[in-house]
C-alpha atoms as a PDB file:
ATOM      1  CA  MET A   1     -42.094   1.818 -20.197  1.00  0.00           C
ATOM      2  CA  GLU A   2     -39.397  -0.744 -20.958  1.00  0.00           C
ATOM      3  CA  SER A   3     -37.607   1.785 -23.134  1.00  0.00           C
ATOM      4  CA  ASP A   4     -37.608   4.317 -20.277  1.00  0.00           C
ATOM      5  CA  SER A   5     -36.187   1.729 -17.889  1.00  0.00           C
ATOM      6  CA  LEU A   6     -33.382   0.849 -20.314  1.00  0.00           C
ATOM      7  CA  SER A   7     -32.613   4.522 -20.844  1.00  0.00           C
ATOM      8  CA  CYS A   8     -32.450   5.084 -17.089  1.00  0.00           C
ATOM      9  CA  MET A   9     -30.246   1.996 -16.681  1.00  0.00           C
ATOM     10  CA  LYS A  10     -27.957   3.242 -19.449  1.00  0.00           C
ATOM     11  CA  TYR A  11     -27.371   6.614 -17.812  1.00  0.00           C
ATOM     12  CA  LEU A  12     -26.911   5.080 -14.354  1.00  0.00           C
ATOM     13  CA  MET A  13     -24.296   2.745 -15.793  1.00  0.00           C
ATOM     14  CA  PHE A  14     -22.577   5.691 -17.438  1.00  0.00           C
ATOM     15  CA  VAL A  15     -22.429   7.545 -14.093  1.00  0.00           C
ATOM     16  CA  PHE A  16     -21.080   4.496 -12.216  1.00  0.00           C
ATOM     17  CA  ASN A  17     -18.501   3.871 -14.934  1.00  0.00           C
ATOM     18  CA  PHE A  18     -17.385   7.457 -14.691  1.00  0.00           C
ATOM     19  CA  PHE A  19     -16.594   6.856 -11.006  1.00  0.00           C
ATOM     20  CA  VAL A  20     -14.687   3.677 -11.933  1.00  0.00           C
ATOM     21  CA  PHE A  21     -12.785   5.767 -14.489  1.00  0.00           C
ATOM     22  CA  LEU A  22     -11.888   8.304 -11.765  1.00  0.00           C
ATOM     23  CA  GLY A  23     -10.944   5.515  -9.314  1.00  0.00           C
ATOM     24  CA  GLY A  24      -8.603   4.004 -11.877  1.00  0.00           C
ATOM     25  CA  ALA A  25      -7.016   7.403 -12.455  1.00  0.00           C
ATOM     26  CA  CYS A  26      -6.471   7.767  -8.675  1.00  0.00           C
ATOM     27  CA  LEU A  27      -4.836   4.331  -8.416  1.00  0.00           C
ATOM     28  CA  LEU A  28      -2.593   5.179 -11.349  1.00  0.00           C
ATOM     29  CA  GLY A  29      -1.595   8.392  -9.602  1.00  0.00           C
ATOM     30  CA  VAL A  30      -0.844   6.622  -6.307  1.00  0.00           C
ATOM     31  CA  GLY A  31       1.184   3.891  -8.022  1.00  0.00           C
ATOM     32  CA  ILE A  32       3.258   6.403  -9.977  1.00  0.00           C
ATOM     33  CA  TRP A  33       3.776   8.555  -6.860  1.00  0.00           C
ATOM     34  CA  VAL A  34       5.033   5.602  -4.788  1.00  0.00           C
ATOM     35  CA  LEU A  35       7.529   4.613  -7.492  1.00  0.00           C
ATOM     36  CA  VAL A  36       8.921   8.102  -8.205  1.00  0.00           C
ATOM     37  CA  ASP A  37       8.453   9.942  -4.871  1.00  0.00           C
ATOM     38  CA  PRO A  38      11.888  11.290  -3.858  1.00  0.00           C
ATOM     39  CA  THR A  39      11.142  11.799  -0.152  1.00  0.00           C
ATOM     40  CA  GLY A  40      11.562   8.256   1.160  1.00  0.00           C
ATOM     41  CA  PHE A  41       8.891   5.887  -0.095  1.00  0.00           C
ATOM     42  CA  ARG A  42      10.898   5.096  -3.215  1.00  0.00           C
ATOM     43  CA  GLU A  43      13.782   3.919  -0.988  1.00  0.00           C
ATOM     44  CA  ILE A  44      11.509   1.595   0.975  1.00  0.00           C
ATOM     45  CA  VAL A  45       9.852   0.200  -2.147  1.00  0.00           C
ATOM     46  CA  ALA A  46      13.117  -0.244  -4.044  1.00  0.00           C
ATOM     47  CA  THR A  47      14.715  -2.348  -1.286  1.00  0.00           C
ATOM     48  CA  ASN A  48      11.830  -4.788  -1.072  1.00  0.00           C
ATOM     49  CA  PRO A  49      10.871  -6.834  -4.154  1.00  0.00           C
ATOM     50  CA  LEU A  50       7.473  -7.601  -2.604  1.00  0.00           C
ATOM     51  CA  LEU A  51       6.660  -3.896  -2.224  1.00  0.00           C
ATOM     52  CA  THR A  52       7.927  -3.199  -5.733  1.00  0.00           C
ATOM     53  CA  THR A  53       5.611  -5.899  -7.063  1.00  0.00           C
ATOM     54  CA  GLY A  54       2.746  -4.406  -5.047  1.00  0.00           C
ATOM     55  CA  ALA A  55       3.364  -0.951  -6.516  1.00  0.00           C
ATOM     56  CA  TYR A  56       3.279  -2.360 -10.042  1.00  0.00           C
ATOM     57  CA  ILE A  57       0.085  -4.271  -9.212  1.00  0.00           C
ATOM     58  CA  VAL A  58      -1.506  -0.989  -8.073  1.00  0.00           C
ATOM     59  CA  LEU A  59      -0.397   0.581 -11.357  1.00  0.00           C
ATOM     60  CA  ALA A  60      -1.803  -2.329 -13.363  1.00  0.00           C
ATOM     61  CA  MET A  61      -5.112  -2.305 -11.483  1.00  0.00           C
ATOM     62  CA  GLY A  62      -5.372   1.457 -11.886  1.00  0.00           C
ATOM     63  CA  GLY A  63      -4.731   1.191 -15.611  1.00  0.00           C
ATOM     64  CA  LEU A  64      -7.246  -1.633 -15.985  1.00  0.00           C
ATOM     65  CA  LEU A  65      -9.981   0.221 -14.065  1.00  0.00           C
ATOM     66  CA  PHE A  66      -9.198   3.361 -16.059  1.00  0.00           C
ATOM     67  CA  LEU A  67      -9.640   1.436 -19.319  1.00  0.00           C
ATOM     68  CA  LEU A  68     -12.728  -0.471 -18.143  1.00  0.00           C
ATOM     69  CA  GLY A  69     -14.403   2.714 -16.954  1.00  0.00           C
ATOM     70  CA  PHE A  70     -13.846   4.214 -20.372  1.00  0.00           C
ATOM     71  CA  LEU A  71     -15.109   1.062 -22.157  1.00  0.00           C
ATOM     72  CA  GLY A  72     -18.119   0.845 -19.858  1.00  0.00           C
ATOM     73  CA  CYS A  73     -19.094   4.432 -20.646  1.00  0.00           C
ATOM     74  CA  CYS A  74     -18.756   3.738 -24.385  1.00  0.00           C
ATOM     75  CA  GLY A  75     -20.680   0.470 -24.140  1.00  0.00           C
ATOM     76  CA  ALA A  76     -23.547   2.122 -22.257  1.00  0.00           C
ATOM     77  CA  VAL A  77     -23.833   5.121 -24.569  1.00  0.00           C
ATOM     78  CA  ARG A  78     -23.500   3.133 -27.815  1.00  0.00           C
ATOM     79  CA  GLU A  79     -25.576   0.157 -26.493  1.00  0.00           C
ATOM     80  CA  ASN A  80     -23.063  -2.356 -27.863  1.00  0.00           C
ATOM     81  CA  ARG A  81     -23.846  -5.919 -26.658  1.00  0.00           C
ATOM     82  CA  CYS A  82     -20.342  -7.279 -27.357  1.00  0.00           C
ATOM     83  CA  LEU A  83     -18.703  -4.420 -25.471  1.00  0.00           C
ATOM     84  CA  LEU A  84     -21.123  -4.833 -22.549  1.00  0.00           C
ATOM     85  CA  LEU A  85     -20.411  -8.570 -22.294  1.00  0.00           C
ATOM     86  CA  PHE A  86     -16.649  -7.955 -22.426  1.00  0.00           C
ATOM     87  CA  PHE A  87     -17.041  -5.293 -19.736  1.00  0.00           C
ATOM     88  CA  PHE A  88     -19.137  -7.590 -17.500  1.00  0.00           C
ATOM     89  CA  LEU A  89     -16.603 -10.454 -17.641  1.00  0.00           C
ATOM     90  CA  PHE A  90     -13.654  -8.240 -16.775  1.00  0.00           C
ATOM     91  CA  ILE A  91     -15.485  -6.508 -13.931  1.00  0.00           C
ATOM     92  CA  LEU A  92     -16.431  -9.966 -12.597  1.00  0.00           C
ATOM     93  CA  ILE A  93     -12.776 -11.081 -12.635  1.00  0.00           C
ATOM     94  CA  ILE A  94     -11.631  -7.905 -10.862  1.00  0.00           C
ATOM     95  CA  PHE A  95     -14.451  -8.219  -8.322  1.00  0.00           C
ATOM     96  CA  LEU A  96     -13.471 -11.819  -7.465  1.00  0.00           C
ATOM     97  CA  VAL A  97      -9.756 -10.922  -7.180  1.00  0.00           C
ATOM     98  CA  GLU A  98     -10.466  -7.964  -4.880  1.00  0.00           C
ATOM     99  CA  LEU A  99     -12.862 -10.019  -2.753  1.00  0.00           C
ATOM    100  CA  SER A 100     -10.254 -12.794  -2.418  1.00  0.00           C
ATOM    101  CA  ALA A 101      -7.578 -10.267  -1.437  1.00  0.00           C
ATOM    102  CA  ALA A 102      -9.876  -8.749   1.211  1.00  0.00           C
ATOM    103  CA  ILE A 103     -10.641 -12.200   2.675  1.00  0.00           C
ATOM    104  CA  LEU A 104      -6.930 -13.127   2.772  1.00  0.00           C
ATOM    105  CA  ALA A 105      -6.065  -9.791   4.409  1.00  0.00           C
ATOM    106  CA  PHE A 106      -8.698 -10.444   7.090  1.00  0.00           C
ATOM    107  CA  ILE A 107      -7.480 -14.009   7.692  1.00  0.00           C
ATOM    108  CA  PHE A 108      -3.800 -13.049   8.003  1.00  0.00           C
ATOM    109  CA  ARG A 109      -4.298  -9.791   9.901  1.00  0.00           C
ATOM    110  CA  GLU A 110      -2.917 -11.374  13.101  1.00  0.00           C
ATOM    111  CA  HIS A 111       0.523 -11.493  11.443  1.00  0.00           C
ATOM    112  CA  LEU A 112       0.665  -7.688  11.516  1.00  0.00           C
ATOM    113  CA  THR A 113       0.897  -7.459  15.318  1.00  0.00           C
ATOM    114  CA  ARG A 114       3.566  -5.674  17.345  1.00  0.00           C
ATOM    115  CA  GLU A 115       4.780  -9.031  18.679  1.00  0.00           C
ATOM    116  CA  PHE A 116       5.204 -10.468  15.172  1.00  0.00           C
ATOM    117  CA  PHE A 117       7.328  -7.539  13.946  1.00  0.00           C
ATOM    118  CA  THR A 118       9.379  -7.543  17.158  1.00  0.00           C
ATOM    119  CA  LYS A 119      10.126 -11.245  16.774  1.00  0.00           C
ATOM    120  CA  GLU A 120      11.140 -10.843  13.114  1.00  0.00           C
ATOM    121  CA  LEU A 121      13.328  -7.817  13.836  1.00  0.00           C
ATOM    122  CA  THR A 122      15.214  -9.396  16.724  1.00  0.00           C
ATOM    123  CA  LYS A 123      15.686 -12.607  14.751  1.00  0.00           C
ATOM    124  CA  HIS A 124      16.744 -11.345  11.305  1.00  0.00           C
ATOM    125  CA  TYR A 125      18.019  -7.752  11.551  1.00  0.00           C
ATOM    126  CA  GLN A 126      21.685  -7.400  10.487  1.00  0.00           C
ATOM    127  CA  GLY A 127      22.382  -3.725  11.167  1.00  0.00           C
ATOM    128  CA  ASN A 128      23.926  -1.642   8.391  1.00  0.00           C
ATOM    129  CA  ASN A 129      24.150  -4.578   5.977  1.00  0.00           C
ATOM    130  CA  ASP A 130      22.213  -3.063   3.062  1.00  0.00           C
ATOM    131  CA  THR A 131      22.813  -6.154   0.927  1.00  0.00           C
ATOM    132  CA  ASP A 132      20.242  -7.904   3.120  1.00  0.00           C
ATOM    133  CA  VAL A 133      16.771  -6.917   1.906  1.00  0.00           C
ATOM    134  CA  PHE A 134      15.153  -7.282   5.340  1.00  0.00           C
ATOM    135  CA  SER A 135      17.743  -5.077   7.076  1.00  0.00           C
ATOM    136  CA  ALA A 136      17.837  -2.501   4.270  1.00  0.00           C
ATOM    137  CA  THR A 137      14.049  -2.181   4.391  1.00  0.00           C
ATOM    138  CA  TRP A 138      14.071  -1.681   8.158  1.00  0.00           C
ATOM    139  CA  ASN A 139      16.841   0.921   7.876  1.00  0.00           C
ATOM    140  CA  SER A 140      14.835   2.850   5.278  1.00  0.00           C
ATOM    141  CA  VAL A 141      11.719   2.718   7.461  1.00  0.00           C
ATOM    142  CA  MET A 142      13.578   3.908  10.594  1.00  0.00           C
ATOM    143  CA  ILE A 143      15.291   6.756   8.740  1.00  0.00           C
ATOM    144  CA  THR A 144      12.181   7.844   6.835  1.00  0.00           C
ATOM    145  CA  PHE A 145       9.863   7.892   9.862  1.00  0.00           C
ATOM    146  CA  GLY A 146      12.461   8.978  12.438  1.00  0.00           C
ATOM    147  CA  CYS A 147      11.882   5.939  14.667  1.00  0.00           C
ATOM    148  CA  CYS A 148      13.885   3.079  16.166  1.00  0.00           C
ATOM    149  CA  GLY A 149      12.991  -0.618  16.239  1.00  0.00           C
ATOM    150  CA  VAL A 150       9.446  -1.828  16.683  1.00  0.00           C
ATOM    151  CA  ASN A 151       8.973  -0.649  20.277  1.00  0.00           C
ATOM    152  CA  GLY A 152      12.094   1.486  20.724  1.00  0.00           C
ATOM    153  CA  PRO A 153      15.901   1.238  21.017  1.00  0.00           C
ATOM    154  CA  GLU A 154      15.587  -1.551  23.604  1.00  0.00           C
ATOM    155  CA  ASP A 155      14.602  -3.988  20.836  1.00  0.00           C
ATOM    156  CA  PHE A 156      18.221  -4.171  19.692  1.00  0.00           C
ATOM    157  CA  LYS A 157      19.381  -5.500  23.055  1.00  0.00           C
ATOM    158  CA  MET A 158      17.579  -8.716  22.087  1.00  0.00           C
ATOM    159  CA  ALA A 159      18.616  -8.706  18.403  1.00  0.00           C
ATOM    160  CA  SER A 160      20.970 -11.697  18.408  1.00  0.00           C
ATOM    161  CA  VAL A 161      22.298 -11.383  14.835  1.00  0.00           C
ATOM    162  CA  PHE A 162      22.826  -7.608  15.172  1.00  0.00           C
ATOM    163  CA  ARG A 163      24.730  -7.999  18.439  1.00  0.00           C
ATOM    164  CA  LEU A 164      26.831 -10.814  17.003  1.00  0.00           C
ATOM    165  CA  LEU A 165      27.797  -8.855  13.882  1.00  0.00           C
ATOM    166  CA  THR A 166      28.674  -5.696  15.845  1.00  0.00           C
ATOM    167  CA  LEU A 167      30.428  -7.670  18.627  1.00  0.00           C
ATOM    168  CA  ASP A 168      28.297  -5.740  21.157  1.00  0.00           C
ATOM    169  CA  SER A 169      30.095  -2.521  20.204  1.00  0.00           C
ATOM    170  CA  GLU A 170      26.862  -0.779  19.147  1.00  0.00           C
ATOM    171  CA  GLU A 171      23.754  -0.265  21.264  1.00  0.00           C
ATOM    172  CA  VAL A 172      21.619   0.745  18.284  1.00  0.00           C
ATOM    173  CA  PRO A 173      22.185   0.842  14.487  1.00  0.00           C
ATOM    174  CA  LYS A 174      22.971   4.084  12.664  1.00  0.00           C
ATOM    175  CA  ALA A 175      19.417   4.156  11.301  1.00  0.00           C
ATOM    176  CA  CYS A 176      18.180   4.952  14.830  1.00  0.00           C
ATOM    177  CA  CYS A 177      20.360   8.056  15.152  1.00  0.00           C
ATOM    178  CA  ARG A 178      18.987  11.529  14.462  1.00  0.00           C
ATOM    179  CA  ARG A 179      20.079  13.129  11.198  1.00  0.00           C
ATOM    180  CA  GLU A 180      19.965  16.559   9.666  1.00  0.00           C
ATOM    181  CA  PRO A 181      17.976  16.385   7.496  1.00  0.00           C
ATOM    182  CA  GLN A 182      16.137  13.189   8.500  1.00  0.00           C
ATOM    183  CA  THR A 183      16.899  11.346   5.257  1.00  0.00           C
ATOM    184  CA  ARG A 184      19.284   8.569   4.215  1.00  0.00           C
ATOM    185  CA  ASP A 185      21.749  11.196   2.963  1.00  0.00           C
ATOM    186  CA  GLY A 186      21.431  13.275   6.137  1.00  0.00           C
ATOM    187  CA  VAL A 187      24.434  13.788   8.467  1.00  0.00           C
ATOM    188  CA  LEU A 188      24.347  12.103  11.899  1.00  0.00           C
ATOM    189  CA  LEU A 189      24.084  14.700  14.683  1.00  0.00           C
ATOM    190  CA  SER A 190      26.424  12.677  16.895  1.00  0.00           C
ATOM    191  CA  TRP A 191      27.264   8.981  16.629  1.00  0.00           C
ATOM    192  CA  GLU A 192      28.771   8.860  20.119  1.00  0.00           C
ATOM    193  CA  GLU A 193      25.876  10.642  21.827  1.00  0.00           C
ATOM    194  CA  CYS A 194      23.439   8.439  19.934  1.00  0.00           C
ATOM    195  CA  GLN A 195      25.098   5.293  21.277  1.00  0.00           C
ATOM    196  CA  LEU A 196      24.791   6.724  24.784  1.00  0.00           C
ATOM    197  CA  GLY A 197      21.016   6.977  24.235  1.00  0.00           C
ATOM    198  CA  ARG A 198      20.751  10.733  24.743  1.00  0.00           C
ATOM    199  CA  SER A 199      17.437  12.146  23.562  1.00  0.00           C
ATOM    200  CA  PRO A 200      18.481  14.931  21.168  1.00  0.00           C
ATOM    201  CA  PHE A 201      20.609  12.477  19.193  1.00  0.00           C
ATOM    202  CA  ILE A 202      18.532   9.275  19.025  1.00  0.00           C
ATOM    203  CA  ASN A 203      15.020   8.457  17.864  1.00  0.00           C
ATOM    204  CA  LYS A 204      13.464   6.801  20.900  1.00  0.00           C
ATOM    205  CA  GLN A 205       9.948   6.158  19.637  1.00  0.00           C
ATOM    206  CA  GLY A 206       9.195   2.734  18.138  1.00  0.00           C
ATOM    207  CA  CYS A 207       8.273   2.462  14.465  1.00  0.00           C
ATOM    208  CA  TYR A 208       5.111   0.456  15.148  1.00  0.00           C
ATOM    209  CA  THR A 209       3.462   3.356  17.004  1.00  0.00           C
ATOM    210  CA  VAL A 210       4.777   6.007  14.608  1.00  0.00           C
ATOM    211  CA  ILE A 211       3.588   4.191  11.475  1.00  0.00           C
ATOM    212  CA  LEU A 212       0.270   3.203  13.064  1.00  0.00           C
ATOM    213  CA  ASN A 213      -0.421   6.824  14.025  1.00  0.00           C
ATOM    214  CA  THR A 214       0.668   8.039  10.587  1.00  0.00           C
ATOM    215  CA  PHE A 215      -1.497   5.662   8.574  1.00  0.00           C
ATOM    216  CA  GLU A 216      -4.428   5.029  10.932  1.00  0.00           C
ATOM    217  CA  THR A 217      -6.669   7.563   9.230  1.00  0.00           C
ATOM    218  CA  TYR A 218      -5.619   6.414   5.773  1.00  0.00           C
ATOM    219  CA  VAL A 219      -6.323   2.761   6.624  1.00  0.00           C
ATOM    220  CA  TYR A 220      -9.955   3.555   7.458  1.00  0.00           C
ATOM    221  CA  LEU A 221     -10.258   5.679   4.329  1.00  0.00           C
ATOM    222  CA  ALA A 222      -8.737   2.881   2.232  1.00  0.00           C
ATOM    223  CA  GLY A 223     -11.158   0.351   3.778  1.00  0.00           C
ATOM    224  CA  ALA A 224     -14.162   2.571   3.114  1.00  0.00           C
ATOM    225  CA  PHE A 225     -12.911   3.195  -0.428  1.00  0.00           C
ATOM    226  CA  ALA A 226     -12.473  -0.555  -1.039  1.00  0.00           C
ATOM    227  CA  ILE A 227     -16.015  -1.309   0.162  1.00  0.00           C
ATOM    228  CA  GLY A 228     -17.333   1.470  -2.045  1.00  0.00           C
ATOM    229  CA  VAL A 229     -15.441   0.126  -5.061  1.00  0.00           C
ATOM    230  CA  LEU A 230     -16.809  -3.400  -4.525  1.00  0.00           C
ATOM    231  CA  ALA A 231     -20.356  -2.041  -4.233  1.00  0.00           C
ATOM    232  CA  VAL A 232     -19.954   0.029  -7.412  1.00  0.00           C
ATOM    233  CA  GLU A 233     -18.555  -2.976  -9.304  1.00  0.00           C
ATOM    234  CA  LEU A 234     -21.487  -5.133  -8.170  1.00  0.00           C
ATOM    235  CA  PHE A 235     -23.984  -2.556  -9.423  1.00  0.00           C
ATOM    236  CA  LEU A 236     -22.044  -2.216 -12.668  1.00  0.00           C
ATOM    237  CA  MET A 237     -22.284  -5.957 -13.324  1.00  0.00           C
ATOM    238  CA  ILE A 238     -26.044  -5.878 -12.686  1.00  0.00           C
ATOM    239  CA  PHE A 239     -26.539  -2.860 -14.945  1.00  0.00           C
ATOM    240  CA  ALA A 240     -24.329  -4.324 -17.703  1.00  0.00           C
ATOM    241  CA  MET A 241     -26.242  -7.607 -17.720  1.00  0.00           C
ATOM    242  CA  CYS A 242     -29.626  -5.841 -17.684  1.00  0.00           C
ATOM    243  CA  LEU A 243     -28.583  -3.663 -20.611  1.00  0.00           C
ATOM    244  CA  PHE A 244     -27.141  -6.667 -22.436  1.00  0.00           C
ATOM    245  CA  ARG A 245     -30.453  -8.539 -22.142  1.00  0.00           C
ATOM    246  CA  GLY A 246     -32.562  -5.474 -22.951  1.00  0.00           C
ATOM    247  CA  ILE A 247     -30.731  -4.411 -26.101  1.00  0.00           C
ATOM    248  CA  GLN A 248     -32.166  -6.071 -29.218  1.00  0.00           C
END
């Protein structure tokens, strides 16, 4: 009876580890795509050291899960106590890191409000100064998503640094103007008409709404995926410890 239970536990652990293996492969794919994608995300990531670090963290986590899934499958099939203990400790570390990150994200979620981004934009944005990381990131976001400011072009009427640097000669930065194609290398349809605020030549929708609508579905999917990963890791730790104690 005990032998049957261990055998069942071994195959369950193999199945769960296979899903961890696939999850790691997916994270690796996402991390590589973000870093090499030529359609805009690479520009945003490259101008922000924090986002670059995040992309490499995703790559590292994907690689680690990929490796651990493989080791877990081998440990379960070969019934190796040393490999199972090694696997358990690493899964425990990853589980605690992910749980801490989720708690911190929940605590600091209020900093991702429309008001917060509006305040930061109006306070720090410097227009076409791409040597400033904050401004360069915002320009990449506005060009990539075809939007303007947080709420719309009116945000730049309150942007003190932007208005000071342009001597009130510009109503909106070039990043708000429509391009053909809508990329950083695209040609402005009309600089003059854009400054007059005419619809065919300026992006009037705010970036907060555009990005929220774009990623809303993916946020829920990412949350569900994260919960699923944590649950799988918890079961894996239980199975690994049970196998470790059952193997003579």
